[in-house]
Amino acid sequence: MADSLSSGLGEEKEKEKEGRERDRKAPKTERSKEKDGVTETLGFNDKNGGSMGKKRNLSDLSLVRFITTELTRGYFLEHNEAKYTERRERVYTCLRIPKELEKLMTFGFFLCLDAFLYVFTLLPLRVILALLRLITVPCCGLSGSRLLQPAQVCDVLKGFIMVLCYSMMSYVDYSMMYHLIRGQSVIKLYIIYNMLEVADRLFSSFGQDILDALYWTATEPKEKKRAHIGVIPHFLMAVLYVFLHAILIMVQATTLNVAFNSHNKSLLTIMMSNNFVEIKGSVFKKFEKNNLFQMSNSDIKERFTNYILLLIVCLRNMEQFSWNPDHLWVLFPDVVMVIASEVAVDVVKHAFITKFNDISADVYGEYRASLAFDLVSSRQKNAYTDYSDSVSRRMGFIPLPLALLLIRVVTSSVKIQGSLSFMCVLLFYLGMITLKVLNSIVLLGTSCVFVKEANMEEKLSDPPPSAVSSRANSKAHRTKQVPTSPHQEPTVDKGGIPLASDISQPTAMAESAAPTLPKSDSDTFLTTPDEEDDDKIINADTGLEGDGLKNRTPKKDLLEIDRFTICGNRID
C-alpha cells in the first residue's frame, strides 16, 4: 500500500512538472510563429514555408526589391484630412485677396476723390455763403443769433488758409527746384525720396491734429473756461503746416519728374524697387486685424497720392513740350509701369500677410463697411465732423496741401487769356461740380448698402464718444482692480463707465462673463480678438479674463481706429 501511494505521488509530481514546462514553451512558440509570419516592407522577415530552423534566403535583400517597394508603396491623405483642408483654404484665401483688396481700394479711392473734389467745388461756394451771411446778419439786426455756425467758421478758416498758402507758394520757383534736384546723384535722390515718404507720414499724423485744434478753438462755446493759446496762434500754425506740407509734396513730385526724364531710367527703376522693399518690411511680422486695417488705409492714401503726383508730372512735361499730344504717349509706358508695380506690391503684401497671420479675406468687407459708416454718419443731422476731416483721420489723407500744390501747378502751366479761356474754365468748374455730386450720390448709396449688410444701422443713432469718457475708460482698465464685497455695487465714473467690478469671487465672475458680452450684431461686428485668445472669455465691462486674475485692455472696434492709432504696440 505504501509503495503504491508513493509511486502515485511521484507520477503526479512528474505530470505537474511536464505541465509547467508546456506552459512555458507555449508563449515562446507563439512568438516565434508571429516572427516567422510577419512580412516587412524591406523583406527582412518574409514568411517561409519551411521549418523554424531553416536559414533565410539572402537573395531577398536585393536592390531590385528595394526599388520595387519604393515605386509601389502608397499613402492615404484622408488620414490627415483636417490639415490638407486647411492648406487648401489658405490657397483659396490667397486667390481671393486680389479681388477683395481691389474692391476696398476702389471704394477708398473714390472716398479720397470725393474729399479731394470738395476742396475745389463745394468749399469755395460754402465760403462765399458764409461771408455773405457774415455781411448780411449785422445789417438785419439779428443780435440774438450767432453770426456764423460752427461749420461755416471751419469753412472760412479753410478758405483763408488756402488763399494765404497759395500766395506764399507763388514765390516758390518750380523750375529752379527741378534743376537743383536733377543735379544730384542717383543714390542721393533715392535716399531723399525715402526721407520724403517718412516726412510725409509724420506731417500727416501731426497736421490733422493742428487743423482739428484750430477748428475746435474757433468754435468752442464761450461760456467754457479758456484753456487755449488763442485762435490766431492756431491759425498761424495751420498756415505754416499746410505750406510746409505742400512744399514737401512738391519736392516729391519734382523727384518723380526727374526720374521720368532721366535717359537710362535708372532712378525710376530704383524708386519702383523701393515698393518691393516694403514687402520685406511688412510680410514677416505679426499683424492683427486692426494693424491690417491701418495698412489698408495707408495703401489707399498712398495710391491716390501717387495718382495725383503722376498727374502733376504729366502736366509739367506736357507744358515743356507745348502740349504736344505725341509726348503723352511717350510718358504713358512709364506711368503704367509705376501703377502696375504699386498694384502688384499691394496684392503680394496683403496676400502673404493674411496667409501668415491666418486672417480671412472677408475682413476686407468689414474694412469697407467701416469706411462706409464714416460717410453715412457724416450725413446725419447730429454729425459732429465733416466728411473730409473724417477721411483725413481714418486714412491719414489731408486734401488741403495736395489741392494747393495742384492749383499751383495748373495755374503756372495753363495760361488763361481772353474771354474764351474764361468760358472754358467756367465749364471745367461746372464739370467738376457735376462729377463731385454724382460721385457723392453713388458713394452714399453704396455706403448705405454696406452698412445694412454689416447690420450697423443701430450705431448711427448712438451719440459720438466723448474724449472724457474714453480717457476714463482707458484709466479704468489700466488701474488695478480693488476687491469688494459681494453685495457692493460697482463704482461708476461721471461718464457712466464701470471702473471696478466684483472680483472677490473669481468663480462667480467666470460664470457671469459670458452673458455680459455684446448681444446685438452691430455690437459684435468689427471686433478683433487675437487668434491665440479665442478660447478665453473676456468680460466686456471690466476687460478681465474669466478667471478674474489678469487685467486686460478691451479690444478696439474698427470704428475707433484712426490712421495713426497705436494698435498692439505698433502703427502700420
Foldseek 3Di string as FASTA:
>chain_A
DVVVVVVVVVVVVVVVVVVVVVVVVVVVVVVLVVQQPDQDQQRPRDHDPDDSVDDDDPVSNDPVSVVVSVVPDDDDPVVVVVVVVVVVVLVVQLVCQLVLLVVLLVLLLLLVVLLQLCVQFVLVVLQVVLVVLLVVVVVVVPPPDDSGDLVSVLSVLLVVLLVVLLVVCVPDDLVVLLVVLLPDDLVVLLVVLVVLVVVLLVLLVVLLVLSVVLSCQVNPDPVDDDDDDHNVVSSVVNSVSLNVSLVSLSSNLSSVLSLLPDDVSPSVVSNLVVLVVVLVVQLPDADFLLQVLLVSLQLSQVLSSVVLSVVLSVLVVCLVVVNDVVVVVVSVVSVVVSNVSSSVSVSVSVSSNCSVQVNGSCSSLLSSLLLLVLLQLQPDPQRDDHSSSVSCFARSHNNSSSSSNVVSSCPVRDDQDDPVSVVVVVVVNVVSNVVSVVSSVVSNVVNVVSNVVQVQPVVSPDHDDDPVVVVLLVVLLVDDADADDPPDDFDADPVRAGSHDHLPDLVVQLVPQVVQQDDDSNRPPQFIDRPVCPVWRARPRQRDTSSSPDRHDGTDGSNPRTSQDDDPNDHD
